[in-house]
Amino acid sequence: MSEQKKTRHSEHEDLKTLNSEDKILMLYNDDYHTFDYVIDALIDICKHEEEQAVQCTYLVHYKGKADVKKGSYEFLKPMMTRLRKKDLKATIE
C-alpha cells in the first residue's frame, strides 16, 4: 500500500511540473490612470472582452492587483511590455 501512495505522490508531482510553465500576468493599482484607460488597455493588449476588462479593472482598484492573463512567459512578455509602455504597473509571476 505504501508503494501505491508513493506512485500517486509521484503522479501529483508530475502534474505540478507540467503546470509550472504557466505564469500569471499581474496588473497593479496606481492612483493616476482612469478606469476607461485601463479597460481599453486590457481590451487592446490582452484581448479581453469588455466585461472581463471591467471586472479585472475593479479587482485591481479594490484589491490592489489582479491576475489579468495566464500562459507561458513567452506569451505574456509582449503583453507586459505593452502595458508598461502605457505606464501601467505589470509583472509576470
N, C-alpha and C. Protein backbone atom coordinates (compact mmCIF):
# COMPACT_ATOMS: atom_id res chain seq x y z
N MET A 1 0.82 -1.19 0.00
CA MET A 1 0.00 0.00 0.00
C MET A 1 0.86 1.26 0.00
N SER A 2 1.95 1.26 0.72
CA SER A 2 2.80 2.44 0.74
C SER A 2 3.38 2.71 -0.65
N GLU A 3 3.57 1.64 -1.44
CA GLU A 3 4.05 1.83 -2.80
C GLU A 3 2.99 2.53 -3.65
N GLN A 4 1.71 2.22 -3.41
CA GLN A 4 0.62 2.89 -4.12
C GLN A 4 0.62 4.38 -3.80
N LYS A 5 0.77 4.71 -2.54
CA LYS A 5 0.80 6.12 -2.15
C LYS A 5 1.97 6.83 -2.80
N LYS A 6 3.10 6.14 -2.85
CA LYS A 6 4.29 6.72 -3.46
C LYS A 6 4.03 7.00 -4.94
N THR A 7 3.37 6.10 -5.63
CA THR A 7 3.05 6.29 -7.04
C THR A 7 2.12 7.47 -7.23
N ARG A 8 1.09 7.56 -6.41
CA ARG A 8 0.16 8.69 -6.51
C ARG A 8 0.88 10.01 -6.27
N HIS A 9 1.75 10.03 -5.28
CA HIS A 9 2.50 11.24 -4.98
C HIS A 9 3.36 11.63 -6.18
N SER A 10 3.98 10.65 -6.80
CA SER A 10 4.82 10.90 -7.96
C SER A 10 4.01 11.45 -9.12
N GLU A 11 2.81 10.90 -9.35
CA GLU A 11 1.94 11.40 -10.42
C GLU A 11 1.54 12.84 -10.13
N HIS A 12 1.27 13.15 -8.87
CA HIS A 12 0.89 14.51 -8.48
C HIS A 12 2.04 15.47 -8.77
N GLU A 13 3.26 15.06 -8.45
CA GLU A 13 4.43 15.91 -8.74
C GLU A 13 4.58 16.13 -10.23
N ASP A 14 4.30 15.11 -11.04
CA ASP A 14 4.39 15.26 -12.49
C ASP A 14 3.39 16.31 -12.98
N LEU A 15 2.19 16.32 -12.44
CA LEU A 15 1.19 17.31 -12.83
C LEU A 15 1.64 18.71 -12.44
N LYS A 16 2.24 18.84 -11.26
CA LYS A 16 2.74 20.14 -10.82
C LYS A 16 3.83 20.63 -11.77
N THR A 17 4.69 19.74 -12.21
CA THR A 17 5.76 20.10 -13.12
C THR A 17 5.20 20.58 -14.45
N LEU A 18 4.19 19.91 -14.95
CA LEU A 18 3.59 20.32 -16.22
C LEU A 18 3.01 21.71 -16.13
N ASN A 19 2.40 22.05 -15.00
CA ASN A 19 1.77 23.35 -14.83
C ASN A 19 2.75 24.43 -14.41
N SER A 20 3.98 24.07 -14.08
CA SER A 20 4.94 25.07 -13.63
C SER A 20 5.34 26.02 -14.75
N GLU A 21 5.07 25.67 -16.00
CA GLU A 21 5.35 26.56 -17.12
C GLU A 21 4.37 27.72 -17.16
N ASP A 22 3.20 27.56 -16.58
CA ASP A 22 2.20 28.62 -16.60
C ASP A 22 2.62 29.76 -15.68
N LYS A 23 2.50 30.95 -16.20
CA LYS A 23 2.81 32.17 -15.44
C LYS A 23 1.55 33.03 -15.41
N ILE A 24 1.60 34.05 -14.60
CA ILE A 24 0.47 34.96 -14.45
C ILE A 24 0.93 36.38 -14.74
N LEU A 25 0.18 37.08 -15.57
CA LEU A 25 0.42 38.49 -15.81
C LEU A 25 -0.39 39.26 -14.77
N MET A 26 0.31 39.95 -13.89
CA MET A 26 -0.33 40.70 -12.81
C MET A 26 -0.35 42.18 -13.17
N LEU A 27 -1.48 42.81 -12.89
CA LEU A 27 -1.62 44.25 -13.08
C LEU A 27 -1.86 44.87 -11.71
N TYR A 28 -1.15 45.96 -11.41
CA TYR A 28 -1.21 46.60 -10.09
C TYR A 28 -1.89 47.95 -10.17
N ASN A 29 -2.51 48.32 -9.08
CA ASN A 29 -3.22 49.58 -8.98
C ASN A 29 -2.25 50.76 -8.95
N ASP A 30 -2.70 51.86 -9.49
CA ASP A 30 -1.99 53.13 -9.33
C ASP A 30 -3.05 54.20 -9.09
N ASP A 31 -2.60 55.39 -8.80
CA ASP A 31 -3.55 56.44 -8.43
C ASP A 31 -3.78 57.46 -9.54
N TYR A 32 -3.33 57.18 -10.75
CA TYR A 32 -3.45 58.22 -11.77
C TYR A 32 -4.08 57.79 -13.08
N HIS A 33 -4.26 56.52 -13.36
CA HIS A 33 -4.93 56.11 -14.60
C HIS A 33 -6.42 55.93 -14.36
N THR A 34 -7.21 56.33 -15.36
CA THR A 34 -8.66 56.21 -15.23
C THR A 34 -9.09 54.77 -15.49
N PHE A 35 -10.29 54.46 -15.04
CA PHE A 35 -10.86 53.13 -15.31
C PHE A 35 -10.90 52.88 -16.81
N ASP A 36 -11.38 53.86 -17.56
CA ASP A 36 -11.51 53.68 -19.01
C ASP A 36 -10.16 53.41 -19.67
N TYR A 37 -9.11 54.08 -19.20
CA TYR A 37 -7.77 53.88 -19.75
C TYR A 37 -7.32 52.43 -19.54
N VAL A 38 -7.51 51.92 -18.34
CA VAL A 38 -7.10 50.55 -18.01
C VAL A 38 -7.96 49.54 -18.77
N ILE A 39 -9.25 49.77 -18.82
CA ILE A 39 -10.16 48.87 -19.54
C ILE A 39 -9.77 48.80 -21.02
N ASP A 40 -9.53 49.95 -21.63
CA ASP A 40 -9.13 49.98 -23.05
C ASP A 40 -7.81 49.25 -23.27
N ALA A 41 -6.87 49.40 -22.33
CA ALA A 41 -5.58 48.71 -22.46
C ALA A 41 -5.76 47.20 -22.38
N LEU A 42 -6.59 46.73 -21.47
CA LEU A 42 -6.81 45.29 -21.34
C LEU A 42 -7.51 44.71 -22.57
N ILE A 43 -8.43 45.47 -23.14
CA ILE A 43 -9.12 45.01 -24.36
C ILE A 43 -8.13 44.97 -25.52
N ASP A 44 -7.35 46.03 -25.67
CA ASP A 44 -6.41 46.13 -26.79
C ASP A 44 -5.24 45.16 -26.67
N ILE A 45 -4.62 45.11 -25.51
CA ILE A 45 -3.37 44.36 -25.34
C ILE A 45 -3.61 42.90 -24.96
N CYS A 46 -4.50 42.66 -24.01
CA CYS A 46 -4.72 41.30 -23.52
C CYS A 46 -5.88 40.60 -24.23
N LYS A 47 -6.53 41.32 -25.13
CA LYS A 47 -7.65 40.77 -25.91
C LYS A 47 -8.81 40.32 -25.02
N HIS A 48 -9.05 41.08 -23.94
CA HIS A 48 -10.19 40.81 -23.08
C HIS A 48 -11.47 41.27 -23.75
N GLU A 49 -12.56 40.60 -23.42
CA GLU A 49 -13.88 41.13 -23.75
C GLU A 49 -14.12 42.30 -22.79
N GLU A 50 -15.03 43.19 -23.13
CA GLU A 50 -15.26 44.37 -22.30
C GLU A 50 -15.63 44.00 -20.86
N GLU A 51 -16.50 43.02 -20.69
CA GLU A 51 -16.93 42.62 -19.34
C GLU A 51 -15.75 42.12 -18.51
N GLN A 52 -14.89 41.33 -19.12
CA GLN A 52 -13.72 40.80 -18.42
C GLN A 52 -12.76 41.94 -18.05
N ALA A 53 -12.56 42.88 -18.96
CA ALA A 53 -11.67 44.01 -18.71
C ALA A 53 -12.21 44.86 -17.56
N VAL A 54 -13.51 45.08 -17.53
CA VAL A 54 -14.13 45.86 -16.45
C VAL A 54 -13.94 45.14 -15.11
N GLN A 55 -14.19 43.84 -15.09
CA GLN A 55 -14.04 43.08 -13.84
C GLN A 55 -12.60 43.11 -13.35
N CYS A 56 -11.64 42.92 -14.24
CA CYS A 56 -10.23 42.97 -13.85
C CYS A 56 -9.86 44.35 -13.32
N THR A 57 -10.37 45.39 -13.96
CA THR A 57 -10.07 46.75 -13.53
C THR A 57 -10.61 47.01 -12.13
N TYR A 58 -11.82 46.54 -11.85
CA TYR A 58 -12.37 46.70 -10.49
C TYR A 58 -11.55 45.92 -9.47
N LEU A 59 -11.11 44.72 -9.82
CA LEU A 59 -10.27 43.94 -8.91
C LEU A 59 -8.97 44.68 -8.61
N VAL A 60 -8.35 45.22 -9.65
CA VAL A 60 -7.11 45.98 -9.47
C VAL A 60 -7.36 47.17 -8.55
N HIS A 61 -8.45 47.86 -8.78
CA HIS A 61 -8.77 49.06 -7.99
C HIS A 61 -9.01 48.73 -6.52
N TYR A 62 -9.81 47.71 -6.26
CA TYR A 62 -10.21 47.42 -4.88
C TYR A 62 -9.26 46.50 -4.13
N LYS A 63 -8.55 45.63 -4.83
CA LYS A 63 -7.64 44.69 -4.16
C LYS A 63 -6.18 45.07 -4.31
N GLY A 64 -5.90 46.03 -5.19
CA GLY A 64 -4.52 46.47 -5.38
C GLY A 64 -3.80 45.77 -6.51
N LYS A 65 -4.33 44.62 -6.93
CA LYS A 65 -3.72 43.89 -8.04
C LYS A 65 -4.71 42.83 -8.52
N ALA A 66 -4.45 42.34 -9.72
CA ALA A 66 -5.27 41.25 -10.26
C ALA A 66 -4.47 40.51 -11.32
N ASP A 67 -4.70 39.19 -11.40
CA ASP A 67 -4.10 38.43 -12.49
C ASP A 67 -5.01 38.62 -13.71
N VAL A 68 -4.43 39.15 -14.77
CA VAL A 68 -5.23 39.51 -15.94
C VAL A 68 -5.06 38.54 -17.11
N LYS A 69 -4.03 37.70 -17.04
CA LYS A 69 -3.81 36.72 -18.12
C LYS A 69 -2.91 35.62 -17.60
N LYS A 70 -3.11 34.41 -18.10
CA LYS A 70 -2.26 33.27 -17.75
C LYS A 70 -1.68 32.68 -19.02
N GLY A 71 -0.47 32.13 -18.90
CA GLY A 71 0.16 31.49 -20.05
C GLY A 71 1.65 31.37 -19.84
N SER A 72 2.34 31.03 -20.89
CA SER A 72 3.79 30.89 -20.80
C SER A 72 4.44 32.27 -20.71
N TYR A 73 5.65 32.31 -20.23
CA TYR A 73 6.39 33.57 -20.13
C TYR A 73 6.49 34.23 -21.50
N GLU A 74 6.79 33.43 -22.51
CA GLU A 74 6.96 33.95 -23.87
C GLU A 74 5.66 34.57 -24.39
N PHE A 75 4.53 34.00 -24.03
CA PHE A 75 3.22 34.50 -24.44
C PHE A 75 2.89 35.82 -23.72
N LEU A 76 3.24 35.90 -22.42
CA LEU A 76 2.87 37.05 -21.61
C LEU A 76 3.82 38.24 -21.73
N LYS A 77 5.08 37.99 -22.05
CA LYS A 77 6.09 39.06 -22.07
C LYS A 77 5.71 40.23 -22.97
N PRO A 78 5.28 40.00 -24.22
CA PRO A 78 4.90 41.15 -25.06
C PRO A 78 3.73 41.95 -24.47
N MET A 79 2.80 41.28 -23.82
CA MET A 79 1.67 41.98 -23.19
C MET A 79 2.16 42.84 -22.04
N MET A 80 3.05 42.29 -21.21
CA MET A 80 3.60 43.05 -20.10
C MET A 80 4.33 44.28 -20.62
N THR A 81 5.12 44.11 -21.66
CA THR A 81 5.87 45.22 -22.24
C THR A 81 4.94 46.32 -22.74
N ARG A 82 3.89 45.94 -23.43
CA ARG A 82 2.93 46.93 -23.95
C ARG A 82 2.17 47.62 -22.83
N LEU A 83 1.79 46.88 -21.79
CA LEU A 83 1.13 47.51 -20.64
C LEU A 83 2.06 48.52 -19.97
N ARG A 84 3.32 48.16 -19.84
CA ARG A 84 4.30 49.06 -19.23
C ARG A 84 4.53 50.30 -20.09
N LYS A 85 4.49 50.13 -21.41
CA LYS A 85 4.64 51.29 -22.30
C LYS A 85 3.49 52.27 -22.13
N LYS A 86 2.37 51.78 -21.64
CA LYS A 86 1.22 52.64 -21.33
C LYS A 86 1.29 53.13 -19.88
N ASP A 87 2.46 52.96 -19.26
CA ASP A 87 2.71 53.37 -17.87
C ASP A 87 1.85 52.65 -16.85
N LEU A 88 1.42 51.43 -17.18
CA LEU A 88 0.71 50.60 -16.22
C LEU A 88 1.71 49.68 -15.52
N LYS A 89 1.46 49.38 -14.28
CA LYS A 89 2.35 48.52 -13.50
C LYS A 89 1.96 47.07 -13.72
N ALA A 90 2.84 46.32 -14.38
CA ALA A 90 2.56 44.92 -14.70
C ALA A 90 3.81 44.08 -14.47
N THR A 91 3.59 42.86 -13.98
CA THR A 91 4.69 41.91 -13.80
C THR A 91 4.22 40.52 -14.22
N ILE A 92 5.19 39.65 -14.43
CA ILE A 92 4.90 38.24 -14.68
C ILE A 92 5.38 37.46 -13.47
N GLU A 93 4.48 36.67 -12.92
CA GLU A 93 4.83 35.88 -11.72
C GLU A 93 4.66 34.42 -12.00
